[in-house]
Protein backbone atom coordinates (compact mmCIF):
# COMPACT_ATOMS: atom_id res chain seq x y z
CA MET A 1 7.06 47.53 122.30
CA HIS A 2 4.96 46.62 119.27
CA HIS A 3 6.47 47.40 115.88
CA ASP A 4 4.69 47.32 112.54
CA PHE A 5 6.92 45.56 110.04
CA THR A 6 4.43 45.45 107.16
CA LEU A 7 7.02 46.07 104.46
CA ILE A 8 9.48 43.51 105.83
CA SER A 9 6.79 40.91 106.39
CA THR A 10 5.44 41.43 102.86
CA LEU A 11 8.91 41.02 101.32
CA ALA A 12 9.75 37.99 103.46
CA THR A 13 6.42 36.29 102.77
CA ALA A 14 6.42 37.07 99.04
CA PHE A 15 10.04 36.05 98.40
CA GLY A 16 9.76 32.94 100.57
CA ALA A 17 6.56 31.67 98.97
CA ALA A 18 7.87 32.53 95.49
CA LEU A 19 11.11 30.63 96.12
CA ILE A 20 9.37 27.48 97.33
CA LEU A 21 6.64 27.33 94.70
CA GLY A 22 8.98 28.55 91.93
CA PHE A 23 11.35 25.69 92.78
CA VAL A 24 8.47 23.19 92.76
CA ALA A 25 7.29 24.50 89.38
CA ALA A 26 10.80 24.21 87.93
CA ARG A 27 11.11 20.62 89.20
CA LEU A 28 7.81 19.81 87.49
CA LYS A 29 9.21 21.24 84.22
CA LEU A 30 6.83 24.21 84.42
CA PRO A 31 7.84 27.88 84.02
CA ALA A 32 8.98 29.35 87.35
CA LEU A 33 6.54 32.23 86.93
CA VAL A 34 3.66 29.76 87.40
CA GLY A 35 5.06 29.15 90.88
CA TYR A 36 5.29 32.89 91.50
CA LEU A 37 1.64 33.37 90.52
CA LEU A 38 0.57 30.51 92.81
CA ALA A 39 2.64 32.03 95.62
CA GLY A 40 0.70 35.26 95.25
CA MET A 41 -2.60 33.42 95.36
CA LEU A 42 -1.44 31.55 98.47
CA ILE A 43 -0.59 34.71 100.44
CA GLY A 44 -3.41 36.80 98.98
CA PRO A 45 -6.62 37.85 100.74
CA PHE A 46 -8.81 35.27 98.99
CA THR A 47 -7.17 32.17 100.51
CA PRO A 48 -6.92 31.21 104.20
CA GLY A 49 -3.66 31.56 106.13
CA VAL A 50 -0.98 34.24 105.89
CA VAL A 51 -2.09 37.40 104.12
CA ALA A 52 0.53 39.86 102.83
CA ASP A 53 -0.14 43.54 102.23
CA THR A 54 -1.54 43.83 98.69
CA GLY A 55 -0.92 47.57 98.39
CA ILE A 56 2.75 47.36 99.33
CA ALA A 57 3.28 44.35 97.05
CA SER A 58 1.75 46.27 94.14
CA GLU A 59 4.03 49.27 94.70
CA LEU A 60 7.09 47.02 94.87
CA ALA A 61 5.95 45.37 91.65
CA GLU A 62 5.81 48.80 90.00
CA ILE A 63 9.48 49.28 90.90
CA GLY A 64 10.19 46.00 89.13
CA VAL A 65 8.41 47.23 86.01
CA MET A 66 10.41 50.48 86.08
CA LEU A 67 13.77 48.70 86.42
CA LEU A 68 12.90 46.16 83.76
CA MET A 69 11.85 48.77 81.21
CA PHE A 70 14.90 50.87 82.10
CA GLY A 71 17.11 47.87 81.34
CA VAL A 72 15.38 47.31 78.01
CA GLY A 73 15.86 50.97 77.13
CA LEU A 74 19.59 50.59 77.77
CA HIS A 75 19.72 48.03 74.95
CA PHE A 76 17.53 49.97 72.53
CA SER A 77 18.10 53.10 70.52
CA LEU A 78 15.82 55.53 68.77
CA ASP A 79 17.12 54.11 65.51
CA ASP A 80 15.95 50.62 66.55
CA LEU A 81 12.44 51.87 67.29
CA TRP A 82 12.32 54.08 64.22
CA ALA A 83 13.33 51.12 62.08
CA VAL A 84 10.21 49.15 63.09
CA ARG A 85 7.74 52.06 63.03
CA LYS A 86 6.05 50.90 59.82
CA ILE A 87 4.95 47.66 61.45
CA ALA A 88 4.78 48.54 65.18
CA LEU A 89 2.56 51.62 64.80
CA PRO A 90 -0.15 50.31 62.45
CA GLY A 91 0.13 46.82 63.92
CA ALA A 92 -0.45 47.93 67.51
CA VAL A 93 -3.31 50.27 66.59
CA LEU A 94 -5.11 47.62 64.52
CA GLN A 95 -4.56 44.92 67.14
CA ILE A 96 -5.89 47.15 69.94
CA ALA A 97 -8.97 47.94 67.84
CA ALA A 98 -9.63 44.29 66.96
CA ALA A 99 -9.08 42.97 70.51
CA THR A 100 -11.26 45.74 71.95
CA ALA A 101 -14.03 44.85 69.50
CA MET A 102 -13.85 41.14 70.44
CA GLY A 103 -13.93 41.86 74.17
CA ALA A 104 -16.70 44.47 73.82
CA PHE A 105 -18.88 42.13 71.76
CA ALA A 106 -18.51 39.35 74.35
CA ALA A 107 -19.40 41.71 77.22
CA TRP A 108 -22.37 43.15 75.28
CA PHE A 109 -23.59 39.58 74.65
CA TRP A 110 -23.49 39.01 78.44
CA GLY A 111 -25.84 41.96 78.88
CA TRP A 112 -23.37 44.65 79.98
CA SER A 113 -23.76 48.30 79.00
CA TRP A 114 -21.89 49.45 75.93
CA GLY A 115 -19.60 51.65 78.08
CA ALA A 116 -18.62 48.71 80.30
CA SER A 117 -18.13 46.56 77.19
CA ILE A 118 -15.68 49.05 75.65
CA VAL A 119 -13.64 49.34 78.85
CA PHE A 120 -13.56 45.56 79.18
CA GLY A 121 -12.38 45.18 75.58
CA LEU A 122 -9.65 47.80 76.03
CA ALA A 123 -8.37 46.00 79.13
CA LEU A 124 -7.99 42.80 77.09
CA SER A 125 -6.16 44.53 74.23
CA VAL A 126 -2.87 45.52 75.90
CA ALA A 127 -0.04 43.11 76.79
CA SER A 128 2.04 42.98 79.96
CA THR A 129 5.44 44.65 79.81
CA VAL A 130 7.06 42.22 82.24
CA VAL A 131 5.72 39.04 80.64
CA LEU A 132 6.61 40.11 77.11
CA LEU A 133 10.17 41.05 78.03
CA ARG A 134 10.69 37.88 80.09
CA ALA A 135 9.55 35.78 77.14
CA LEU A 136 11.87 37.56 74.71
CA GLU A 137 14.83 37.39 77.11
CA ALA A 138 14.27 33.68 77.79
CA ARG A 139 14.73 32.95 74.08
CA GLY A 140 17.55 35.45 73.64
CA VAL A 141 15.66 37.35 70.92
CA LEU A 142 15.14 40.66 72.73
CA GLU A 143 17.68 42.40 70.47
CA SER A 144 16.64 40.57 67.30
CA MET A 145 14.39 42.08 64.66
CA ASN A 146 11.41 40.13 66.04
CA GLY A 147 12.21 41.40 69.53
CA GLN A 148 12.50 45.00 68.32
CA ILE A 149 9.11 44.77 66.61
CA ALA A 150 7.51 43.34 69.77
CA VAL A 151 9.03 46.06 71.98
CA GLY A 152 8.09 48.80 69.51
CA TRP A 153 4.56 47.37 69.46
CA LEU A 154 4.57 47.47 73.27
CA VAL A 155 5.64 51.13 73.33
CA VAL A 156 2.75 52.08 71.02
CA GLU A 157 0.33 50.14 73.24
CA ASP A 158 1.65 51.94 76.33
CA LEU A 159 1.15 55.34 74.68
CA ALA A 160 -2.39 54.36 73.66
CA MET A 161 -3.23 53.24 77.20
CA VAL A 162 -1.85 56.48 78.66
CA LEU A 163 -4.39 58.34 76.51
CA VAL A 164 -7.18 55.94 77.51
CA LEU A 165 -6.47 56.36 81.23
CA VAL A 166 -6.52 60.16 80.88
CA LEU A 167 -9.67 60.27 78.74
CA LEU A 168 -11.74 57.76 80.75
CA PRO A 169 -12.62 60.04 83.73
CA PRO A 170 -14.13 62.90 81.67
CA LEU A 171 -15.93 60.33 79.50
CA ALA A 172 -17.25 58.32 82.47
CA GLY A 173 -20.66 60.01 82.44
CA ALA A 174 -21.19 59.36 78.74
CA LEU A 175 -20.15 55.72 79.25
CA GLY A 176 -22.74 55.16 81.96
CA GLY A 177 -20.54 55.80 85.01
CA SER A 178 -20.14 58.59 87.51
CA ALA A 179 -18.40 61.92 86.95
CA PRO A 180 -14.81 62.17 88.17
CA GLU A 181 -14.01 64.07 91.34
CA GLY A 182 -10.36 64.88 90.71
CA GLY A 183 -8.99 62.50 88.17
CA VAL A 184 -8.39 65.34 85.67
CA PRO A 185 -7.89 69.10 85.92
CA GLY A 186 -11.00 70.78 87.27
CA ALA A 187 -11.68 73.10 84.33
CA ILE A 188 -11.46 70.31 81.83
CA ALA A 189 -13.57 67.96 83.94
CA ALA A 190 -16.22 70.61 84.33
CA SER A 191 -16.32 71.59 80.69
CA GLY A 192 -16.33 68.03 79.48
CA ASN A 193 -14.14 69.07 76.56
CA VAL A 194 -12.60 65.75 75.54
CA TRP A 195 -10.51 67.39 72.83
CA ALA A 196 -8.95 69.66 75.44
CA VAL A 197 -8.04 66.62 77.54
CA LEU A 198 -6.56 64.84 74.54
CA GLY A 199 -4.61 67.93 73.46
CA LEU A 200 -3.25 68.50 76.96
CA THR A 201 -2.19 64.86 77.24
CA LEU A 202 -0.39 64.89 73.90
CA LEU A 203 1.27 68.19 74.82
CA LYS A 204 2.54 66.78 78.14
CA VAL A 205 3.82 63.55 76.56
CA GLY A 206 5.51 65.55 73.80
CA ALA A 207 7.10 67.85 76.38
CA PHE A 208 8.51 64.90 78.29
CA LEU A 209 9.95 63.30 75.14
CA ALA A 210 11.44 66.61 74.01
CA LEU A 211 12.97 67.25 77.42
CA MET A 212 14.57 63.80 77.53
CA LEU A 213 15.79 63.79 73.93
CA ILE A 214 17.14 67.35 73.87
CA PHE A 215 18.53 67.79 77.38
CA GLY A 216 18.52 64.29 78.86
CA ARG A 217 20.73 62.83 76.12
CA LYS A 218 23.47 65.30 77.05
CA LEU A 219 23.00 65.50 80.81
CA LEU A 220 22.36 61.90 81.97
CA PRO A 221 25.41 60.25 80.31
CA ARG A 222 27.61 63.03 81.72
CA LEU A 223 26.18 62.57 85.23
CA LEU A 224 26.77 58.82 85.04
CA TRP A 225 30.36 59.39 83.91
CA TRP A 226 30.99 61.77 86.84
CA VAL A 227 29.68 59.15 89.28
CA ALA A 228 31.84 56.46 87.68
CA GLN A 229 34.93 58.64 88.17
CA THR A 230 34.53 58.29 91.96
CA GLY A 231 35.47 54.62 91.64
CA SER A 232 32.61 53.63 93.95
CA ARG A 233 30.56 50.68 92.76
CA GLU A 234 27.84 51.46 95.31
CA LEU A 235 27.44 55.01 94.02
CA PHE A 236 27.31 53.79 90.42
CA THR A 237 24.57 51.28 91.24
CA LEU A 238 22.73 53.94 93.24
CA ALA A 239 22.94 56.38 90.33
CA THR A 240 21.54 53.75 87.95
CA VAL A 241 18.58 52.96 90.19
CA ALA A 242 17.99 56.65 90.96
CA PHE A 243 17.83 57.49 87.25
CA ALA A 244 15.43 54.62 86.53
CA VAL A 245 13.00 55.16 89.41
CA GLY A 246 13.37 58.96 89.69
CA ILE A 247 12.75 59.72 86.02
CA ALA A 248 9.87 57.21 85.86
CA PHE A 249 8.22 58.81 88.89
CA GLY A 250 8.82 62.33 87.60
CA ALA A 251 7.39 61.41 84.19
CA ALA A 252 4.23 60.07 85.83
CA GLU A 253 3.77 62.97 88.25
CA LEU A 254 4.65 65.88 85.99
CA PHE A 255 3.76 64.67 82.50
CA GLY A 256 1.14 61.95 83.01
CA VAL A 257 3.35 59.31 81.36
CA SER A 258 3.26 55.76 82.71
CA PHE A 259 6.05 54.56 85.01
CA ALA A 260 7.04 51.90 82.47
CA LEU A 261 7.25 54.28 79.52
CA GLY A 262 9.15 56.90 81.54
CA ALA A 263 11.74 54.35 82.65
CA PHE A 264 12.08 53.01 79.10
CA ILE A 265 12.79 56.48 77.66
CA ALA A 266 15.30 57.11 80.48
CA GLY A 267 17.14 53.90 79.56
CA MET A 268 17.19 54.81 75.87
CA VAL A 269 18.64 58.23 76.68
CA LEU A 270 21.27 56.78 79.02
CA ARG A 271 22.29 54.36 76.29
CA GLU A 272 24.22 57.26 74.76
CA SER A 273 26.75 56.78 77.58
CA GLU A 274 29.73 54.48 77.09
CA LEU A 275 28.87 53.10 80.54
CA SER A 276 25.40 51.89 79.51
CA HIS A 277 26.51 48.25 79.38
CA ARG A 278 27.80 48.45 82.95
CA ALA A 279 24.59 50.19 84.08
CA ALA A 280 22.55 47.33 82.62
CA GLU A 281 24.64 44.75 84.48
CA GLU A 282 24.45 46.64 87.79
CA SER A 283 20.65 46.89 87.68
CA LEU A 284 20.04 43.29 86.57
CA PRO A 285 19.84 41.65 90.05
CA LEU A 286 17.31 44.25 91.20
CA GLN A 287 15.29 43.75 88.00
CA ASP A 288 15.07 40.01 88.64
CA ALA A 289 14.09 40.35 92.30
CA PHE A 290 11.39 42.95 91.77
CA ALA A 291 10.06 41.22 88.64
CA VAL A 292 9.29 38.23 90.87
CA LEU A 293 7.24 40.57 93.07
CA PHE A 294 5.24 41.61 90.02
CA PHE A 295 4.03 38.05 89.43
CA VAL A 296 3.38 37.54 93.14
CA SER A 297 1.32 40.75 93.31
CA VAL A 298 -0.76 39.61 90.31
CA GLY A 299 -1.51 36.34 92.08
CA MET A 300 -2.53 38.21 95.26
CA LEU A 301 -5.22 40.12 93.37
CA PHE A 302 -6.88 36.98 92.01
CA ASP A 303 -10.20 35.89 93.51
CA TRP A 304 -10.59 32.22 92.59
CA HIS A 305 -14.37 32.36 93.18
CA VAL A 306 -14.83 33.82 89.70
CA LEU A 307 -13.78 30.44 88.25
CA VAL A 308 -16.73 28.82 90.03
CA ASP A 309 -19.28 31.59 89.58
CA GLU A 310 -18.65 32.45 85.91
CA PRO A 311 -16.69 29.59 84.25
CA MET A 312 -17.93 30.28 80.69
CA HIS A 313 -17.15 33.97 81.00
CA VAL A 314 -13.63 33.11 82.14
CA ILE A 315 -13.15 30.70 79.23
CA THR A 316 -14.34 33.35 76.76
CA THR A 317 -12.05 35.98 78.25
CA VAL A 318 -9.01 33.69 78.10
CA ALA A 319 -9.86 32.64 74.53
CA ILE A 320 -9.93 36.29 73.40
CA ILE A 321 -6.58 37.03 75.07
CA VAL A 322 -4.69 33.89 74.12
CA PHE A 323 -6.19 32.96 70.76
CA GLY A 324 -8.11 35.99 69.48
CA LYS A 325 -5.28 38.49 69.99
CA THR A 326 -2.72 35.97 68.74
CA LEU A 327 -4.58 35.36 65.49
CA VAL A 328 -5.23 39.05 64.88
CA ALA A 329 -1.60 40.03 65.50
CA ALA A 330 -0.31 37.23 63.28
CA VAL A 331 -2.61 38.23 60.40
CA ILE A 332 -1.62 41.90 60.73
CA VAL A 333 2.11 41.08 60.62
CA LEU A 334 1.62 38.83 57.58
CA LEU A 335 -0.47 41.48 55.80
CA LEU A 336 2.41 43.90 56.39
CA ARG A 337 4.55 41.40 54.44
CA TYR A 338 6.73 40.09 57.24
CA PRO A 339 7.80 36.42 57.52
CA LEU A 340 5.75 33.69 59.20
CA ASN A 341 8.29 33.35 62.03
CA THR A 342 7.99 37.05 62.81
CA ALA A 343 4.20 36.84 62.80
CA LEU A 344 4.11 33.91 65.22
CA THR A 345 6.80 35.35 67.53
CA VAL A 346 5.15 38.75 67.83
CA SER A 347 1.65 37.31 68.24
CA ALA A 348 2.78 34.88 70.96
CA SER A 349 4.51 37.73 72.79
CA LEU A 350 1.26 39.69 72.94
CA ALA A 351 -1.03 36.79 73.95
CA GLN A 352 -1.38 37.90 77.57
CA ILE A 353 -2.44 40.91 79.63
CA GLY A 354 -0.97 42.57 82.69
CA GLU A 355 -0.35 45.78 84.57
CA PHE A 356 -2.16 48.29 82.33
CA SER A 357 -5.19 46.01 82.26
CA PHE A 358 -5.32 46.02 86.08
CA ILE A 359 -5.01 49.81 86.24
CA LEU A 360 -7.72 50.31 83.62
CA ALA A 361 -10.01 47.78 85.32
CA GLY A 362 -9.53 49.45 88.72
CA LEU A 363 -10.24 52.89 87.27
CA GLY A 364 -13.31 51.59 85.44
CA VAL A 365 -14.74 50.10 88.65
CA SER A 366 -14.02 53.27 90.67
CA LEU A 367 -15.82 55.39 88.07
CA GLY A 368 -18.81 53.04 88.00
CA VAL A 369 -18.26 52.19 84.33
CA LEU A 370 -17.05 48.60 84.72
CA PRO A 371 -18.89 46.12 86.99
CA LYS A 372 -16.91 44.34 89.71
CA GLU A 373 -17.36 41.10 87.78
CA GLY A 374 -15.40 42.63 84.90
CA GLN A 375 -12.39 43.28 87.13
CA GLY A 376 -12.52 39.67 88.35
CA LEU A 377 -12.63 38.34 84.77
CA ILE A 378 -9.70 40.55 83.74
CA LEU A 379 -7.61 39.28 86.66
CA ALA A 380 -8.55 35.67 85.87
CA GLY A 381 -7.65 36.21 82.22
CA ALA A 382 -4.31 37.71 83.25
CA ILE A 383 -3.40 34.84 85.59
CA ILE A 384 -4.25 32.13 83.07
CA SER A 385 -2.73 33.88 80.03
CA ILE A 386 0.50 34.70 81.88
CA ALA A 387 0.84 31.10 83.02
CA PHE A 388 0.12 29.80 79.52
CA ASN A 389 2.33 32.30 77.67
CA PRO A 390 5.67 30.45 78.04
CA VAL A 391 4.04 27.32 76.59
CA LEU A 392 2.67 29.27 73.64
CA PHE A 393 6.01 30.98 73.08
CA ALA A 394 7.92 27.69 73.19
CA ALA A 395 5.58 26.34 70.49
CA VAL A 396 6.49 29.08 67.99
CA SER A 397 9.49 27.31 66.44
CA PRO A 398 7.85 23.84 66.16
CA ILE A 399 4.67 25.34 64.71
CA THR A 400 6.66 27.43 62.23
CA ARG A 401 8.65 24.37 61.13
CA TRP A 402 5.51 22.22 60.86
CA MET A 403 3.65 24.84 58.80
CA ARG A 404 6.59 25.28 56.45
CA GLU A 405 6.78 21.52 55.86
CA ARG A 406 3.04 20.94 55.44
CA SER A 407 1.64 24.13 53.91
CA ALA A 408 2.43 25.57 50.50
CA LEU A 409 0.72 28.79 51.62
CA ALA A 410 3.08 29.08 54.60
CA ARG A 411 6.08 28.67 52.32
CA GLN A 412 4.64 31.30 49.99
CA LEU A 413 4.20 33.70 52.93
CA GLU A 414 7.86 33.22 53.76
CA GLN A 415 8.81 34.42 50.28
CA PRO A 416 6.81 37.61 49.68
CA ALA A 417 7.06 39.50 46.42
CA ASP A 418 9.52 42.04 47.74
CA PRO A 419 12.22 43.74 45.65
CA THR A 420 14.51 43.90 48.70
CA ALA A 421 14.49 40.08 48.96
CA THR A 422 16.98 39.79 46.06
CA LEU A 423 20.18 41.60 45.24
CA PRO A 424 19.86 44.07 42.34
CA THR A 425 21.24 42.91 38.99
CA THR A 426 23.64 45.87 39.12
CA THR A 427 25.36 44.56 42.27
CA ASP A 428 29.17 44.76 42.09
CA PRO A 429 30.68 41.30 41.38
CA LYS A 430 32.85 41.56 44.50
CA TYR A 431 29.68 40.88 46.56
CA LEU A 432 28.94 37.65 44.71
CA ALA A 433 32.02 35.60 45.60
CA GLY A 434 34.69 35.61 48.30
CA HIS A 435 32.57 37.87 50.50
CA ALA A 436 31.15 37.64 54.03
CA VAL A 437 27.43 37.06 54.53
CA LEU A 438 26.39 38.93 57.70
CA VAL A 439 23.08 37.87 59.28
CA GLY A 440 21.58 40.63 61.43
CA TYR A 441 22.33 44.36 61.39
CA GLY A 442 21.65 45.29 65.01
CA ARG A 443 24.19 46.83 67.39
CA VAL A 444 26.65 43.94 66.95
CA GLY A 445 26.06 43.45 63.23
CA LYS A 446 26.41 47.14 62.45
CA ARG A 447 29.82 47.31 64.13
CA ILE A 448 31.03 44.19 62.32
CA ALA A 449 29.83 45.41 58.91
CA GLN A 450 31.45 48.82 59.25
CA THR A 451 34.82 47.43 60.33
CA LEU A 452 34.93 44.71 57.66
CA SER A 453 33.99 47.18 54.95
CA GLU A 454 36.69 49.60 56.10
CA GLN A 455 39.21 46.75 55.90
CA GLY A 456 38.21 45.89 52.34
CA VAL A 457 36.18 42.74 53.06
CA PRO A 458 32.97 42.74 50.93
CA VAL A 459 29.86 42.22 53.08
CA VAL A 460 26.34 41.19 52.10
CA VAL A 461 23.83 41.84 54.91
CA ALA A 462 20.80 39.58 55.40
CA ASP A 463 18.20 41.11 57.72
CA GLN A 464 14.46 40.60 58.24
CA ASN A 465 13.74 44.32 58.52
CA ARG A 466 12.93 45.62 55.05
CA GLU A 467 13.21 49.27 56.06
CA ARG A 468 16.72 48.64 57.36
CA VAL A 469 17.67 46.88 54.12
CA GLU A 470 16.34 49.83 52.11
CA GLN A 471 18.42 52.23 54.20
CA LEU A 472 21.53 50.09 53.71
CA ARG A 473 21.05 50.06 49.94
CA GLU A 474 20.70 53.83 49.93
CA ARG A 475 24.19 53.90 51.51
CA ASP A 476 25.52 51.52 48.80
CA PHE A 477 25.59 48.44 51.04
CA ALA A 478 24.73 45.07 49.50
CA ALA A 479 21.74 43.77 51.50
CA VAL A 480 18.78 41.42 51.17
CA SER A 481 15.68 41.15 53.37
CA GLY A 482 14.35 37.83 54.61
CA ASP A 483 14.73 35.11 57.23
CA ALA A 484 18.25 33.70 56.91
CA CYS A 485 16.97 30.39 58.32
CA GLU A 486 15.39 29.87 54.92
CA PRO A 487 17.69 28.60 52.13
CA ALA A 488 16.19 31.12 49.67
CA THR A 489 17.47 34.09 51.69
CA LEU A 490 21.01 32.71 51.97
CA VAL A 491 20.97 31.81 48.27
CA GLN A 492 20.02 35.41 47.43
CA ALA A 493 22.99 36.54 49.56
CA HIS A 494 25.15 34.27 47.35
CA ILE A 495 26.17 31.98 50.19
CA ALA A 496 27.46 29.47 47.63
CA GLY A 497 30.39 31.72 46.76
CA ALA A 498 30.86 33.31 50.19
CA ARG A 499 34.03 32.89 52.25
CA PHE A 500 32.37 33.59 55.63
CA LEU A 501 28.99 33.36 57.29
CA VAL A 502 28.85 35.76 60.26
CA VAL A 503 25.70 35.30 62.39
CA ALA A 504 25.17 38.37 64.61
CA ILE A 505 21.79 37.32 66.05
CA PRO A 506 21.70 35.39 69.35
CA ASP A 507 18.82 32.94 68.74
CA THR A 508 20.39 29.48 69.12
CA PHE A 509 17.64 27.61 67.26
CA ASP A 510 17.92 29.89 64.23
CA VAL A 511 21.74 29.72 64.30
CA ARG A 512 21.66 25.93 63.99
CA ARG A 513 19.39 26.10 60.95
CA MET A 514 21.53 28.76 59.27
CA VAL A 515 24.70 26.80 59.86
CA ALA A 516 23.17 23.60 58.48
CA THR A 517 21.86 25.38 55.37
CA ALA A 518 25.12 27.23 54.72
CA ARG A 519 27.24 24.07 55.02
CA THR A 520 24.88 22.16 52.74
CA ILE A 521 25.22 24.82 50.03
CA ASN A 522 28.87 25.70 50.69
CA PRO A 523 30.74 22.95 52.63
CA GLY A 524 33.98 24.97 52.81
CA ILE A 525 32.51 28.13 54.30
CA GLU A 526 33.91 29.44 57.60
CA ILE A 527 31.26 30.30 60.18
CA VAL A 528 31.38 32.80 63.07
CA VAL A 529 28.37 33.02 65.41
CA ARG A 530 27.28 34.86 68.56
CA SER A 531 25.54 33.48 71.62
CA HIS A 532 23.91 35.21 74.59
CA ASN A 533 25.17 32.89 77.36
CA ALA A 534 28.12 30.59 78.10
CA GLU A 535 26.04 27.40 78.25
CA GLU A 536 24.64 27.84 74.73
CA ALA A 537 28.05 28.92 73.44
CA ALA A 538 29.58 25.68 74.69
CA LEU A 539 26.73 23.67 73.16
CA LEU A 540 27.12 25.36 69.77
CA SER A 541 30.88 24.76 69.83
CA GLU A 542 30.38 21.06 70.62
CA GLU A 543 27.95 20.78 67.71
CA GLY A 544 30.55 22.25 65.38
CA ALA A 545 28.58 25.41 64.61
CA GLY A 546 31.81 27.34 64.06
CA ARG A 547 33.70 29.91 66.12
CA VAL A 548 31.38 31.14 68.91
CA PHE A 549 31.67 34.51 70.69
CA LEU A 550 29.98 35.99 73.78
CA GLY A 551 29.38 39.58 74.87
CA GLU A 552 28.29 42.68 72.96
CA VAL A 553 30.86 45.34 72.04
CA GLU A 554 33.69 42.93 72.85
CA LEU A 555 31.82 40.30 70.86
CA ALA A 556 31.59 42.51 67.77
CA ASP A 557 35.30 43.35 67.94
CA GLY A 558 36.27 39.72 68.50
CA MET A 559 34.14 38.41 65.64
CA THR A 560 35.51 41.09 63.33
CA ASP A 561 39.15 40.45 64.27
CA TYR A 562 38.68 36.70 63.72
CA VAL A 563 37.20 37.19 60.24
CA LEU A 564 39.96 39.62 59.28
CA SER A 565 42.71 37.28 60.51
CA ARG A 566 41.23 34.31 58.67
CA ASN A 567 40.75 36.39 55.53
CA THR A 568 44.44 37.41 55.66
CA ASP A 569 45.52 33.81 56.18
CA ARG A 570 43.52 32.54 53.23
CA SER A 571 44.70 35.39 51.03
CA HIS A 572 48.27 34.26 51.59
């Protein structure tokens, strides 16, 4: 009897090819994702040999995107996103506009219609969820201020693309394409009332957010707690995956929200549960496995003939994605008065395109707005930019250091004229000597600061987020804004008279610089740092960085208890 095992054969082929080529890439000191992309090209329809099912691979990749965004949501709160709104919202909007203009101008120069040019530019303007998160996680900066800005930027881009995907069908005729046959509600499609489409979309997105924030925040954590009470690990894992995939699918079907955005909101809501940390750990293996399928599916879509037929067009497309978007994002962040390191980190994170670009390109081709060549160029740009992104991201720290050493302008950009960058002259003297300097006021830092303050230990917070510093000062906390890697920021936090330096951010490279600066200014200071994995923790301990802690909630409690015990010892 003949059986059709398309799903099994696709999984076996994709995982097998990804394992082999990922291993080869790692041995050659290349990012493993380069191997995953090559694996997709190898088993795709445009190369001879085994051909996996592209449709099934794409659907499995969508599951990976859902789980990944759900996991990110579990580590983010509404407060985190709200704290970066003043940079993420205007930054994302301006960057989308600039990247769209660059892409549209290039396509218009090639002789395309203005409608096709706009769609092409929009496809180049939005970054890949999976690639951005992988890059941030690889450096351990997902929960840092730079990571929060990048994720907030990503959320704004996702919302913008949701609107674009809804508005494109009714606008197809005006853009030179064909009228939609069912992409939007019939009455709206027939009337051509774009404002009605926009209003309906905003209403549906708002309804989803309201439903999740009002009812979901109470219901989902309670449901997860009930499942946990059964004592079954399998049921707990099943509940986690069901929440992630089910809510994402429901958001897309009922409210027109993207899978990724729906899963992200679900994770943020479930974060209210005390079991959120366990939920993140349980879903991690599935996130990793399905994320690999995302890269494989991207490779399967790539037709290498475009490299031969239109090499200059490919080069131009890649240049806009990798260099044009990077430069624009960096300038926007600097104009919003954020440090050079933040500008380079955020811009490198966004220097690629992915899943929304593919969806938009496919819709544009189906509506007759975008030529088939445009879809091929977008896929080529995605493959090359995704492969190049880890290299660009790894260059952020060396480039930042080189620019600081060589350029007076770069050093000036690191020290903006900002009143929150210095402590007010009215600051209580207890914050100027014998205090603890706390770097980072995220989930870990906030817990440490509150406990130390309650126990009578003066704390001066150093954080790169100016809005957060302003909020702290309104609550009578001593805080300064700036990059604590820079001596000027630590000097403003009065590190010379401090008893402790508590580093609550996980970036190992930055920790080393802070430790070196603090010990140069104050050789007797005691240092407590966090790390995001055991290997880096051991390395920091060997280098004499101070007392190193791992974890999250347990980490905050452990760091706090250590500071309090040492403070008691020195007091006696």
